[in-house]
Amino acid sequence: MRDENRKLYRLGGASLIGSGLLFFSRDVLELLAGPPPSSGVEILAWVESGKLYLSFISEVLFFAVVALVPAVFALYHSLASTDRAKAATGCGIIAMVIPLVAMLLVVHGRLVYPVFGIRVNSPDVASNIVALFYGGMHAVALLMGIATFVLSAVMLRGAYGRRIAYLGFATCALDIIGAYPYVIGPVLTLVCQLFFAAWFVSVGAKLYSMR
């Protein structure tokens, strides 16, 4: 049983580290692509000029959320003995985020990937896609902020230590702030996202080495 737990923690920790790095790579690509404009015609021009960045954003984000699957199981297992209810709540919210992001990526992909030769060339359709995707990612950021807070509260009394827990509390606040990129601007948004990735990597490294 101990060997099985060790394997689970190694897989989950490595997956969480990889997910954090992929999320931050997505964030850098979004900074390079720039924020979407507010009109459909300008969005089509923005997509055309930044198609390479937007394509990589879609692919990188896909693998980032896939990596969360084993990470969620391992994280719950490592925290359940400390506070099962809070561990289930925090990890359950992250588990809920995974299919949500997957569906948002289906929407986002329509900007850059044709299906049966069908491309998005209507300003109104482009506006709807952008609104759905970024509106959905706003909800994702808020959900991850809640999950981070709940899990950090458990980590205060567990094996993760106070430093990771306090980093989680700071990340929670910045997740909420970063959910409004159109208000705070791209540079501060990247700072918020850096904390998000750093917390993932810190938790993943601790989980990987856990016995």
N, C-alpha and C. Protein backbone atom coordinates (compact mmCIF):
# COMPACT_ATOMS: atom_id res chain seq x y z
N MET A 1 0.83 -1.21 0.00
CA MET A 1 0.00 0.00 0.00
C MET A 1 0.86 1.26 0.00
N ARG A 2 1.95 1.23 0.80
CA ARG A 2 2.82 2.40 0.84
C ARG A 2 3.46 2.66 -0.51
N ASP A 3 3.85 1.58 -1.21
CA ASP A 3 4.44 1.75 -2.54
C ASP A 3 3.43 2.34 -3.51
N GLU A 4 2.17 1.90 -3.39
CA GLU A 4 1.13 2.44 -4.27
C GLU A 4 0.90 3.92 -3.99
N ASN A 5 0.89 4.30 -2.70
CA ASN A 5 0.73 5.70 -2.35
C ASN A 5 1.91 6.52 -2.87
N ARG A 6 3.09 5.97 -2.75
CA ARG A 6 4.29 6.67 -3.23
C ARG A 6 4.21 6.92 -4.73
N LYS A 7 3.76 5.92 -5.47
CA LYS A 7 3.61 6.07 -6.93
C LYS A 7 2.56 7.13 -7.25
N LEU A 8 1.45 7.11 -6.49
CA LEU A 8 0.40 8.08 -6.71
C LEU A 8 0.90 9.50 -6.46
N TYR A 9 1.66 9.68 -5.36
CA TYR A 9 2.17 11.01 -5.03
C TYR A 9 3.20 11.48 -6.06
N ARG A 10 4.01 10.58 -6.54
CA ARG A 10 4.99 10.96 -7.57
C ARG A 10 4.30 11.38 -8.86
N LEU A 11 3.32 10.59 -9.27
CA LEU A 11 2.59 10.92 -10.50
C LEU A 11 1.82 12.22 -10.33
N GLY A 12 1.11 12.33 -9.22
CA GLY A 12 0.32 13.54 -8.98
C GLY A 12 1.18 14.77 -8.84
N GLY A 13 2.31 14.65 -8.12
CA GLY A 13 3.20 15.80 -7.96
C GLY A 13 3.81 16.25 -9.27
N ALA A 14 4.30 15.27 -10.06
CA ALA A 14 4.88 15.62 -11.36
C ALA A 14 3.83 16.24 -12.28
N SER A 15 2.60 15.71 -12.22
CA SER A 15 1.53 16.24 -13.06
C SER A 15 1.18 17.67 -12.66
N LEU A 16 1.16 17.93 -11.35
CA LEU A 16 0.82 19.27 -10.87
C LEU A 16 1.92 20.27 -11.24
N ILE A 17 3.17 19.85 -11.15
CA ILE A 17 4.28 20.72 -11.58
C ILE A 17 4.16 21.02 -13.07
N GLY A 18 3.94 19.96 -13.86
CA GLY A 18 3.79 20.15 -15.30
C GLY A 18 2.61 21.04 -15.64
N SER A 19 1.50 20.85 -14.93
CA SER A 19 0.31 21.67 -15.18
C SER A 19 0.60 23.13 -14.87
N GLY A 20 1.26 23.40 -13.76
CA GLY A 20 1.60 24.79 -13.41
C GLY A 20 2.47 25.45 -14.46
N LEU A 21 3.47 24.72 -14.95
CA LEU A 21 4.36 25.27 -15.97
C LEU A 21 3.62 25.50 -17.28
N LEU A 22 2.71 24.58 -17.62
CA LEU A 22 1.94 24.75 -18.85
C LEU A 22 0.97 25.92 -18.74
N PHE A 23 0.35 26.08 -17.58
CA PHE A 23 -0.54 27.22 -17.37
C PHE A 23 0.22 28.53 -17.54
N PHE A 24 1.43 28.58 -16.99
CA PHE A 24 2.19 29.83 -17.11
C PHE A 24 2.67 30.05 -18.54
N SER A 25 2.98 28.96 -19.26
CA SER A 25 3.33 29.10 -20.67
C SER A 25 2.16 29.68 -21.45
N ARG A 26 0.95 29.22 -21.12
CA ARG A 26 -0.26 29.78 -21.75
C ARG A 26 -0.38 31.27 -21.46
N ASP A 27 -0.06 31.64 -20.22
CA ASP A 27 -0.17 33.03 -19.81
C ASP A 27 0.80 33.92 -20.59
N VAL A 28 2.01 33.43 -20.80
CA VAL A 28 3.00 34.20 -21.57
C VAL A 28 2.54 34.34 -23.03
N LEU A 29 1.99 33.25 -23.58
CA LEU A 29 1.48 33.31 -24.95
C LEU A 29 0.34 34.30 -25.07
N GLU A 30 -0.52 34.36 -24.05
CA GLU A 30 -1.62 35.33 -24.08
C GLU A 30 -1.09 36.76 -24.02
N LEU A 31 -0.02 36.97 -23.27
CA LEU A 31 0.59 38.30 -23.22
C LEU A 31 1.13 38.69 -24.59
N LEU A 32 1.75 37.71 -25.27
CA LEU A 32 2.30 37.97 -26.60
C LEU A 32 1.19 38.21 -27.63
N ALA A 33 0.10 37.47 -27.50
CA ALA A 33 -1.02 37.64 -28.44
C ALA A 33 -1.75 38.94 -28.21
N GLY A 34 -1.73 39.42 -26.97
CA GLY A 34 -2.45 40.64 -26.64
C GLY A 34 -3.90 40.36 -26.33
N PRO A 35 -4.57 41.26 -25.62
CA PRO A 35 -5.98 41.06 -25.29
C PRO A 35 -6.86 41.19 -26.54
N PRO A 36 -8.00 40.52 -26.55
CA PRO A 36 -8.88 40.63 -27.71
C PRO A 36 -9.51 42.02 -27.78
N PRO A 37 -9.69 42.55 -28.99
CA PRO A 37 -10.39 43.84 -29.13
C PRO A 37 -11.87 43.68 -28.87
N SER A 38 -12.58 44.78 -28.91
CA SER A 38 -13.98 44.78 -28.50
C SER A 38 -14.98 44.67 -29.64
N SER A 39 -14.53 44.75 -30.88
CA SER A 39 -15.47 44.63 -32.00
C SER A 39 -15.15 43.41 -32.84
N GLY A 40 -16.19 42.85 -33.48
CA GLY A 40 -16.02 41.63 -34.25
C GLY A 40 -15.03 41.74 -35.38
N VAL A 41 -15.06 42.85 -36.12
CA VAL A 41 -14.13 43.04 -37.24
C VAL A 41 -12.70 43.08 -36.73
N GLU A 42 -12.47 43.78 -35.62
CA GLU A 42 -11.12 43.85 -35.05
C GLU A 42 -10.68 42.50 -34.49
N ILE A 43 -11.63 41.72 -33.97
CA ILE A 43 -11.30 40.38 -33.47
C ILE A 43 -10.80 39.49 -34.59
N LEU A 44 -11.46 39.54 -35.75
CA LEU A 44 -11.01 38.74 -36.89
C LEU A 44 -9.60 39.12 -37.31
N ALA A 45 -9.29 40.42 -37.29
CA ALA A 45 -7.93 40.86 -37.62
C ALA A 45 -6.95 40.42 -36.55
N TRP A 46 -7.36 40.46 -35.28
CA TRP A 46 -6.52 40.02 -34.16
C TRP A 46 -6.22 38.53 -34.26
N VAL A 47 -7.21 37.74 -34.63
CA VAL A 47 -7.02 36.30 -34.80
C VAL A 47 -6.04 36.02 -35.94
N GLU A 48 -6.21 36.74 -37.02
CA GLU A 48 -5.33 36.52 -38.19
C GLU A 48 -3.89 36.87 -37.87
N SER A 49 -3.68 37.95 -37.15
CA SER A 49 -2.30 38.39 -36.86
C SER A 49 -1.65 37.55 -35.76
N GLY A 50 -2.46 36.99 -34.86
CA GLY A 50 -1.89 36.21 -33.75
C GLY A 50 -2.29 34.75 -33.78
N LYS A 51 -2.52 34.22 -34.98
CA LYS A 51 -3.02 32.85 -35.10
C LYS A 51 -2.06 31.83 -34.49
N LEU A 52 -0.76 32.03 -34.66
CA LEU A 52 0.21 31.08 -34.11
C LEU A 52 0.14 31.05 -32.58
N TYR A 53 0.11 32.22 -31.96
CA TYR A 53 0.00 32.30 -30.50
C TYR A 53 -1.30 31.67 -30.01
N LEU A 54 -2.40 31.99 -30.68
CA LEU A 54 -3.70 31.47 -30.26
C LEU A 54 -3.78 29.95 -30.44
N SER A 55 -3.13 29.43 -31.46
CA SER A 55 -3.10 27.98 -31.67
C SER A 55 -2.36 27.30 -30.53
N PHE A 56 -1.20 27.85 -30.15
CA PHE A 56 -0.43 27.26 -29.06
C PHE A 56 -1.16 27.40 -27.73
N ILE A 57 -1.87 28.51 -27.53
CA ILE A 57 -2.65 28.69 -26.30
C ILE A 57 -3.65 27.56 -26.15
N SER A 58 -4.35 27.23 -27.22
CA SER A 58 -5.34 26.16 -27.19
C SER A 58 -4.71 24.82 -26.85
N GLU A 59 -3.58 24.51 -27.47
CA GLU A 59 -2.92 23.22 -27.25
C GLU A 59 -2.32 23.12 -25.85
N VAL A 60 -1.63 24.17 -25.43
CA VAL A 60 -0.97 24.15 -24.12
C VAL A 60 -2.00 24.04 -23.00
N LEU A 61 -3.09 24.79 -23.10
CA LEU A 61 -4.12 24.76 -22.07
C LEU A 61 -4.78 23.39 -22.00
N PHE A 62 -4.92 22.73 -23.13
CA PHE A 62 -5.50 21.38 -23.15
C PHE A 62 -4.67 20.42 -22.30
N PHE A 63 -3.36 20.41 -22.52
CA PHE A 63 -2.50 19.49 -21.77
C PHE A 63 -2.38 19.92 -20.30
N ALA A 64 -2.51 21.21 -20.03
CA ALA A 64 -2.46 21.68 -18.64
C ALA A 64 -3.61 21.12 -17.82
N VAL A 65 -4.82 21.09 -18.41
CA VAL A 65 -5.97 20.57 -17.65
C VAL A 65 -5.96 19.04 -17.62
N VAL A 66 -5.45 18.39 -18.65
CA VAL A 66 -5.33 16.93 -18.62
C VAL A 66 -4.40 16.51 -17.49
N ALA A 67 -3.31 17.25 -17.29
CA ALA A 67 -2.36 16.94 -16.23
C ALA A 67 -2.98 17.09 -14.84
N LEU A 68 -4.07 17.84 -14.73
CA LEU A 68 -4.72 18.01 -13.44
C LEU A 68 -5.46 16.76 -12.97
N VAL A 69 -5.77 15.85 -13.87
CA VAL A 69 -6.56 14.67 -13.49
C VAL A 69 -5.86 13.82 -12.44
N PRO A 70 -4.63 13.31 -12.69
CA PRO A 70 -3.96 12.55 -11.62
C PRO A 70 -3.58 13.42 -10.44
N ALA A 71 -3.32 14.71 -10.69
CA ALA A 71 -2.94 15.61 -9.60
C ALA A 71 -4.06 15.75 -8.58
N VAL A 72 -5.30 15.84 -9.04
CA VAL A 72 -6.44 16.00 -8.13
C VAL A 72 -6.59 14.78 -7.23
N PHE A 73 -6.47 13.57 -7.80
CA PHE A 73 -6.59 12.36 -7.00
C PHE A 73 -5.49 12.29 -5.94
N ALA A 74 -4.26 12.57 -6.34
CA ALA A 74 -3.14 12.49 -5.40
C ALA A 74 -3.26 13.56 -4.32
N LEU A 75 -3.68 14.76 -4.71
CA LEU A 75 -3.81 15.85 -3.75
C LEU A 75 -4.88 15.53 -2.71
N TYR A 76 -6.01 15.00 -3.16
CA TYR A 76 -7.05 14.63 -2.21
C TYR A 76 -6.55 13.54 -1.25
N HIS A 77 -5.87 12.55 -1.79
CA HIS A 77 -5.37 11.45 -0.96
C HIS A 77 -4.41 11.96 0.10
N SER A 78 -3.60 12.95 -0.24
CA SER A 78 -2.61 13.47 0.71
C SER A 78 -3.22 14.36 1.78
N LEU A 79 -4.42 14.89 1.53
CA LEU A 79 -5.04 15.84 2.47
C LEU A 79 -6.24 15.26 3.22
N ALA A 80 -6.77 14.13 2.76
CA ALA A 80 -8.01 13.60 3.33
C ALA A 80 -7.87 13.25 4.80
N SER A 81 -6.69 12.79 5.22
CA SER A 81 -6.51 12.42 6.62
C SER A 81 -6.46 13.63 7.54
N THR A 82 -6.21 14.82 6.98
CA THR A 82 -6.18 16.05 7.78
C THR A 82 -7.57 16.64 7.93
N ASP A 83 -8.27 16.79 6.82
CA ASP A 83 -9.65 17.31 6.85
C ASP A 83 -10.35 16.83 5.58
N ARG A 84 -11.07 15.72 5.71
CA ARG A 84 -11.67 15.08 4.54
C ARG A 84 -12.69 15.98 3.85
N ALA A 85 -13.48 16.71 4.62
CA ALA A 85 -14.53 17.55 4.03
C ALA A 85 -13.93 18.68 3.20
N LYS A 86 -12.96 19.39 3.76
CA LYS A 86 -12.35 20.49 3.02
C LYS A 86 -11.53 19.97 1.83
N ALA A 87 -10.84 18.84 2.01
CA ALA A 87 -10.07 18.26 0.90
C ALA A 87 -10.99 17.88 -0.25
N ALA A 88 -12.16 17.29 0.09
CA ALA A 88 -13.12 16.91 -0.96
C ALA A 88 -13.69 18.14 -1.64
N THR A 89 -13.93 19.20 -0.87
CA THR A 89 -14.49 20.42 -1.45
C THR A 89 -13.50 21.08 -2.41
N GLY A 90 -12.26 21.29 -1.95
CA GLY A 90 -11.25 21.94 -2.79
C GLY A 90 -10.91 21.14 -4.02
N CYS A 91 -10.66 19.84 -3.84
CA CYS A 91 -10.31 19.00 -4.98
C CYS A 91 -11.51 18.79 -5.90
N GLY A 92 -12.72 18.77 -5.32
CA GLY A 92 -13.92 18.64 -6.14
C GLY A 92 -14.12 19.83 -7.05
N ILE A 93 -13.81 21.02 -6.55
CA ILE A 93 -13.93 22.22 -7.38
C ILE A 93 -12.93 22.17 -8.54
N ILE A 94 -11.70 21.75 -8.25
CA ILE A 94 -10.70 21.62 -9.32
C ILE A 94 -11.15 20.57 -10.34
N ALA A 95 -11.70 19.46 -9.84
CA ALA A 95 -12.20 18.43 -10.75
C ALA A 95 -13.32 18.98 -11.63
N MET A 96 -14.15 19.87 -11.09
CA MET A 96 -15.22 20.48 -11.88
C MET A 96 -14.66 21.42 -12.94
N VAL A 97 -13.52 22.05 -12.65
CA VAL A 97 -12.90 22.98 -13.59
C VAL A 97 -12.38 22.26 -14.83
N ILE A 98 -11.94 21.02 -14.67
CA ILE A 98 -11.31 20.30 -15.79
C ILE A 98 -12.25 20.18 -17.00
N PRO A 99 -13.46 19.62 -16.86
CA PRO A 99 -14.35 19.56 -18.04
C PRO A 99 -14.82 20.93 -18.51
N LEU A 100 -14.91 21.88 -17.58
CA LEU A 100 -15.32 23.23 -17.97
C LEU A 100 -14.29 23.84 -18.93
N VAL A 101 -13.01 23.73 -18.58
CA VAL A 101 -11.96 24.27 -19.45
C VAL A 101 -11.92 23.50 -20.77
N ALA A 102 -12.12 22.18 -20.70
CA ALA A 102 -12.11 21.37 -21.93
C ALA A 102 -13.18 21.85 -22.90
N MET A 103 -14.37 22.16 -22.40
CA MET A 103 -15.43 22.65 -23.28
C MET A 103 -15.13 24.06 -23.79
N LEU A 104 -14.53 24.88 -22.94
CA LEU A 104 -14.15 26.23 -23.39
C LEU A 104 -13.11 26.15 -24.50
N LEU A 105 -12.25 25.14 -24.44
CA LEU A 105 -11.24 24.98 -25.49
C LEU A 105 -11.87 24.57 -26.82
N VAL A 106 -12.96 23.83 -26.75
CA VAL A 106 -13.69 23.50 -27.98
C VAL A 106 -14.19 24.79 -28.63
N VAL A 107 -14.67 25.70 -27.80
CA VAL A 107 -15.13 27.00 -28.31
C VAL A 107 -13.96 27.81 -28.84
N HIS A 108 -12.87 27.90 -28.04
CA HIS A 108 -11.70 28.69 -28.44
C HIS A 108 -11.08 28.18 -29.74
N GLY A 109 -11.08 26.86 -29.91
CA GLY A 109 -10.46 26.28 -31.10
C GLY A 109 -11.12 26.70 -32.40
N ARG A 110 -12.38 27.11 -32.32
CA ARG A 110 -13.07 27.52 -33.54
C ARG A 110 -12.50 28.82 -34.11
N LEU A 111 -11.75 29.56 -33.31
CA LEU A 111 -11.12 30.77 -33.82
C LEU A 111 -9.97 30.44 -34.78
N VAL A 112 -9.27 29.34 -34.52
CA VAL A 112 -8.03 29.09 -35.27
C VAL A 112 -8.03 27.78 -36.05
N TYR A 113 -8.91 26.83 -35.67
CA TYR A 113 -8.90 25.52 -36.33
C TYR A 113 -10.19 25.33 -37.12
N PRO A 114 -10.10 25.14 -38.43
CA PRO A 114 -11.32 24.89 -39.21
C PRO A 114 -11.82 23.47 -38.99
N VAL A 115 -13.14 23.27 -39.11
CA VAL A 115 -13.75 21.95 -39.01
C VAL A 115 -14.48 21.69 -40.33
N PHE A 116 -14.06 20.63 -41.06
CA PHE A 116 -14.61 20.35 -42.39
C PHE A 116 -14.48 21.58 -43.29
N GLY A 117 -13.39 22.30 -43.12
CA GLY A 117 -13.16 23.47 -43.94
C GLY A 117 -13.93 24.70 -43.54
N ILE A 118 -14.72 24.60 -42.47
CA ILE A 118 -15.54 25.73 -42.00
C ILE A 118 -14.68 26.61 -41.10
N ARG A 119 -14.59 27.86 -41.42
CA ARG A 119 -13.81 28.81 -40.64
C ARG A 119 -14.72 29.91 -40.09
N VAL A 120 -14.30 30.48 -38.99
CA VAL A 120 -15.02 31.61 -38.42
C VAL A 120 -14.63 32.86 -39.20
N ASN A 121 -15.55 33.39 -39.97
CA ASN A 121 -15.26 34.60 -40.75
C ASN A 121 -16.34 35.67 -40.57
N SER A 122 -17.21 35.45 -39.59
CA SER A 122 -18.26 36.42 -39.30
C SER A 122 -17.90 37.20 -38.05
N PRO A 123 -17.94 38.53 -38.11
CA PRO A 123 -17.62 39.33 -36.90
C PRO A 123 -18.51 38.99 -35.71
N ASP A 124 -19.80 38.73 -35.95
CA ASP A 124 -20.70 38.43 -34.84
C ASP A 124 -20.35 37.09 -34.19
N VAL A 125 -20.04 36.08 -35.00
CA VAL A 125 -19.66 34.78 -34.46
C VAL A 125 -18.35 34.89 -33.69
N ALA A 126 -17.39 35.62 -34.24
CA ALA A 126 -16.11 35.80 -33.57
C ALA A 126 -16.29 36.49 -32.22
N SER A 127 -17.16 37.48 -32.17
CA SER A 127 -17.43 38.17 -30.91
C SER A 127 -18.03 37.23 -29.88
N ASN A 128 -18.96 36.38 -30.31
CA ASN A 128 -19.59 35.44 -29.39
C ASN A 128 -18.58 34.43 -28.85
N ILE A 129 -17.71 33.94 -29.73
CA ILE A 129 -16.70 32.96 -29.29
C ILE A 129 -15.77 33.57 -28.26
N VAL A 130 -15.29 34.77 -28.52
CA VAL A 130 -14.39 35.44 -27.58
C VAL A 130 -15.08 35.71 -26.26
N ALA A 131 -16.35 36.16 -26.32
CA ALA A 131 -17.09 36.45 -25.09
C ALA A 131 -17.31 35.18 -24.28
N LEU A 132 -17.65 34.08 -24.95
CA LEU A 132 -17.87 32.81 -24.25
C LEU A 132 -16.58 32.30 -23.61
N PHE A 133 -15.49 32.34 -24.37
CA PHE A 133 -14.24 31.80 -23.86
C PHE A 133 -13.72 32.60 -22.67
N TYR A 134 -13.60 33.91 -22.84
CA TYR A 134 -13.03 34.72 -21.76
C TYR A 134 -13.99 34.87 -20.59
N GLY A 135 -15.29 34.84 -20.87
CA GLY A 135 -16.25 34.81 -19.78
C GLY A 135 -16.16 33.51 -18.99
N GLY A 136 -15.97 32.42 -19.69
CA GLY A 136 -15.79 31.13 -19.03
C GLY A 136 -14.51 31.07 -18.23
N MET A 137 -13.42 31.61 -18.77
CA MET A 137 -12.15 31.61 -18.04
C MET A 137 -12.22 32.52 -16.82
N HIS A 138 -13.06 33.54 -16.85
CA HIS A 138 -13.31 34.37 -15.67
C HIS A 138 -13.90 33.50 -14.55
N ALA A 139 -14.89 32.67 -14.91
CA ALA A 139 -15.48 31.77 -13.92
C ALA A 139 -14.46 30.76 -13.41
N VAL A 140 -13.61 30.26 -14.30
CA VAL A 140 -12.56 29.31 -13.91
C VAL A 140 -11.62 29.93 -12.88
N ALA A 141 -11.21 31.17 -13.10
CA ALA A 141 -10.31 31.84 -12.17
C ALA A 141 -10.96 32.00 -10.79
N LEU A 142 -12.23 32.34 -10.76
CA LEU A 142 -12.93 32.48 -9.49
C LEU A 142 -13.04 31.13 -8.78
N LEU A 143 -13.36 30.08 -9.52
CA LEU A 143 -13.45 28.74 -8.93
C LEU A 143 -12.11 28.27 -8.39
N MET A 144 -11.04 28.52 -9.14
CA MET A 144 -9.71 28.12 -8.67
C MET A 144 -9.30 28.92 -7.45
N GLY A 145 -9.72 30.17 -7.37
CA GLY A 145 -9.44 30.97 -6.18
C GLY A 145 -10.08 30.36 -4.94
N ILE A 146 -11.33 29.93 -5.07
CA ILE A 146 -12.04 29.29 -3.95
C ILE A 146 -11.35 27.99 -3.57
N ALA A 147 -11.03 27.16 -4.58
CA ALA A 147 -10.38 25.88 -4.31
C ALA A 147 -9.03 26.08 -3.63
N THR A 148 -8.26 27.07 -4.10
CA THR A 148 -6.96 27.33 -3.51
C THR A 148 -7.08 27.74 -2.05
N PHE A 149 -8.07 28.56 -1.74
CA PHE A 149 -8.27 28.99 -0.35
C PHE A 149 -8.61 27.80 0.54
N VAL A 150 -9.56 26.97 0.10
CA VAL A 150 -10.00 25.84 0.91
C VAL A 150 -8.85 24.85 1.13
N LEU A 151 -8.11 24.54 0.08
CA LEU A 151 -7.00 23.59 0.20
C LEU A 151 -5.87 24.16 1.05
N SER A 152 -5.62 25.45 0.93
CA SER A 152 -4.57 26.07 1.74
C SER A 152 -4.92 26.04 3.22
N ALA A 153 -6.21 26.16 3.53
CA ALA A 153 -6.66 26.07 4.91
C ALA A 153 -6.37 24.67 5.48
N VAL A 154 -6.51 23.65 4.66
CA VAL A 154 -6.17 22.29 5.09
C VAL A 154 -4.66 22.14 5.26
N MET A 155 -3.91 22.72 4.34
CA MET A 155 -2.45 22.58 4.36
C MET A 155 -1.81 23.23 5.58
N LEU A 156 -2.49 24.19 6.17
CA LEU A 156 -1.96 24.81 7.38
C LEU A 156 -1.73 23.79 8.48
N ARG A 157 -2.56 22.74 8.50
CA ARG A 157 -2.49 21.75 9.58
C ARG A 157 -1.95 20.42 9.10
N GLY A 158 -1.45 20.36 7.88
CA GLY A 158 -0.99 19.10 7.33
C GLY A 158 0.50 19.09 7.05
N ALA A 159 0.89 18.19 6.15
CA ALA A 159 2.31 17.96 5.87
C ALA A 159 2.90 18.99 4.91
N TYR A 160 2.06 19.83 4.33
CA TYR A 160 2.57 20.76 3.31
C TYR A 160 3.30 21.95 3.94
N GLY A 161 2.94 22.33 5.13
CA GLY A 161 3.65 23.42 5.80
C GLY A 161 3.00 24.77 5.58
N ARG A 162 3.36 25.69 6.46
CA ARG A 162 2.74 27.01 6.45
C ARG A 162 3.16 27.85 5.24
N ARG A 163 4.39 27.69 4.77
CA ARG A 163 4.83 28.51 3.63
C ARG A 163 3.97 28.26 2.40
N ILE A 164 3.73 26.99 2.10
CA ILE A 164 2.89 26.67 0.94
C ILE A 164 1.46 27.14 1.18
N ALA A 165 0.99 26.99 2.42
CA ALA A 165 -0.37 27.44 2.74
C ALA A 165 -0.50 28.95 2.58
N TYR A 166 0.46 29.71 3.09
CA TYR A 166 0.39 31.16 2.96
C TYR A 166 0.54 31.60 1.51
N LEU A 167 1.39 30.89 0.75
CA LEU A 167 1.47 31.16 -0.69
C LEU A 167 0.12 30.91 -1.35
N GLY A 168 -0.58 29.88 -0.87
CA GLY A 168 -1.91 29.58 -1.40
C GLY A 168 -2.92 30.68 -1.09
N PHE A 169 -2.86 31.23 0.11
CA PHE A 169 -3.77 32.33 0.45
C PHE A 169 -3.52 33.56 -0.42
N ALA A 170 -2.22 33.86 -0.64
CA ALA A 170 -1.89 34.98 -1.53
C ALA A 170 -2.35 34.70 -2.95
N THR A 171 -2.17 33.45 -3.38
CA THR A 171 -2.60 33.06 -4.73
C THR A 171 -4.11 33.18 -4.87
N CYS A 172 -4.84 32.81 -3.83
CA CYS A 172 -6.30 32.93 -3.85
C CYS A 172 -6.72 34.37 -4.13
N ALA A 173 -6.12 35.32 -3.39
CA ALA A 173 -6.46 36.74 -3.58
C ALA A 173 -6.13 37.19 -5.00
N LEU A 174 -4.97 36.74 -5.50
CA LEU A 174 -4.56 37.15 -6.85
C LEU A 174 -5.37 36.45 -7.93
N ASP A 175 -5.87 35.24 -7.64
CA ASP A 175 -6.77 34.58 -8.59
C ASP A 175 -8.04 35.41 -8.78
N ILE A 176 -8.56 35.93 -7.68
CA ILE A 176 -9.77 36.75 -7.77
C ILE A 176 -9.49 38.03 -8.55
N ILE A 177 -8.35 38.67 -8.23
CA ILE A 177 -7.99 39.90 -8.95
C ILE A 177 -7.74 39.59 -10.43
N GLY A 178 -7.02 38.50 -10.69
CA GLY A 178 -6.69 38.14 -12.07
C GLY A 178 -7.87 37.69 -12.89
N ALA A 179 -9.02 37.47 -12.25
CA ALA A 179 -10.22 37.10 -12.99
C ALA A 179 -10.79 38.27 -13.78
N TYR A 180 -10.21 39.46 -13.58
CA TYR A 180 -10.68 40.66 -14.28
C TYR A 180 -9.53 41.27 -15.10
N PRO A 181 -9.02 40.54 -16.10
CA PRO A 181 -7.87 41.03 -16.86
C PRO A 181 -8.16 42.31 -17.64
N TYR A 182 -9.41 42.50 -18.02
CA TYR A 182 -9.79 43.70 -18.77
C TYR A 182 -9.82 44.94 -17.89
N VAL A 183 -9.72 44.74 -16.57
CA VAL A 183 -9.68 45.86 -15.63
C VAL A 183 -8.25 46.16 -15.20
N ILE A 184 -7.47 45.13 -14.89
CA ILE A 184 -6.14 45.33 -14.31
C ILE A 184 -5.04 45.42 -15.36
N GLY A 185 -5.29 45.01 -16.60
CA GLY A 185 -4.28 45.10 -17.64
C GLY A 185 -3.43 43.85 -17.75
N PRO A 186 -2.71 43.68 -18.86
CA PRO A 186 -1.99 42.42 -19.12
C PRO A 186 -0.81 42.16 -18.20
N VAL A 187 -0.08 43.19 -17.76
CA VAL A 187 1.12 42.96 -16.94
C VAL A 187 0.73 42.47 -15.55
N LEU A 188 -0.20 43.14 -14.90
CA LEU A 188 -0.65 42.69 -13.58
C LEU A 188 -1.35 41.34 -13.67
N THR A 189 -2.03 41.09 -14.78
CA THR A 189 -2.65 39.79 -14.98
C THR A 189 -1.60 38.69 -14.99
N LEU A 190 -0.48 38.96 -15.68
CA LEU A 190 0.61 37.97 -15.73
C LEU A 190 1.19 37.72 -14.34
N VAL A 191 1.30 38.76 -13.52
CA VAL A 191 1.80 38.60 -12.15
C VAL A 191 0.86 37.68 -11.36
N CYS A 192 -0.44 37.91 -11.48
CA CYS A 192 -1.42 37.06 -10.80
C CYS A 192 -1.28 35.61 -11.27
N GLN A 193 -1.11 35.43 -12.55
CA GLN A 193 -1.00 34.08 -13.10
C GLN A 193 0.32 33.41 -12.71
N LEU A 194 1.36 34.21 -12.49
CA LEU A 194 2.64 33.67 -12.03
C LEU A 194 2.48 33.05 -10.64
N PHE A 195 1.73 33.70 -9.77
CA PHE A 195 1.49 33.15 -8.43
C PHE A 195 0.68 31.85 -8.53
N PHE A 196 -0.29 31.84 -9.43
CA PHE A 196 -1.08 30.62 -9.65
C PHE A 196 -0.18 29.45 -10.03
N ALA A 197 0.72 29.68 -10.98
CA ALA A 197 1.64 28.64 -11.43
C ALA A 197 2.62 28.26 -10.32
N ALA A 198 3.11 29.25 -9.57
CA ALA A 198 4.08 29.00 -8.51
C ALA A 198 3.47 28.14 -7.41
N TRP A 199 2.20 28.37 -7.10
CA TRP A 199 1.55 27.55 -6.08
C TRP A 199 1.39 26.11 -6.56
N PHE A 200 1.03 25.93 -7.80
CA PHE A 200 0.94 24.59 -8.37
C PHE A 200 2.28 23.87 -8.28
N VAL A 201 3.35 24.55 -8.68
CA VAL A 201 4.68 23.94 -8.68
C VAL A 201 5.13 23.62 -7.25
N SER A 202 4.87 24.52 -6.32
CA SER A 202 5.27 24.30 -4.93
C SER A 202 4.52 23.11 -4.32
N VAL A 203 3.22 23.07 -4.53
CA VAL A 203 2.42 21.95 -4.02
C VAL A 203 2.84 20.65 -4.70
N GLY A 204 3.06 20.71 -6.00
CA GLY A 204 3.46 19.51 -6.74
C GLY A 204 4.80 18.98 -6.28
N ALA A 205 5.76 19.87 -6.01
CA ALA A 205 7.08 19.43 -5.55
C ALA A 205 6.98 18.77 -4.18
N LYS A 206 6.16 19.35 -3.30
CA LYS A 206 5.97 18.76 -1.97
C LYS A 206 5.27 17.41 -2.08
N LEU A 207 4.27 17.34 -2.93
CA LEU A 207 3.53 16.08 -3.13
C LEU A 207 4.44 15.01 -3.70
N TYR A 208 5.29 15.38 -4.62
CA TYR A 208 6.18 14.41 -5.26
C TYR A 208 7.14 13.77 -4.25
N SER A 209 7.60 14.57 -3.29
CA SER A 209 8.58 14.07 -2.31
C SER A 209 7.92 13.48 -1.06
N MET A 210 6.60 13.47 -1.00
CA MET A 210 5.89 13.03 0.20
C MET A 210 5.99 11.52 0.36
N ARG A 211 6.13 11.09 1.61
CA ARG A 211 6.21 9.66 1.92
C ARG A 211 5.00 9.23 2.74
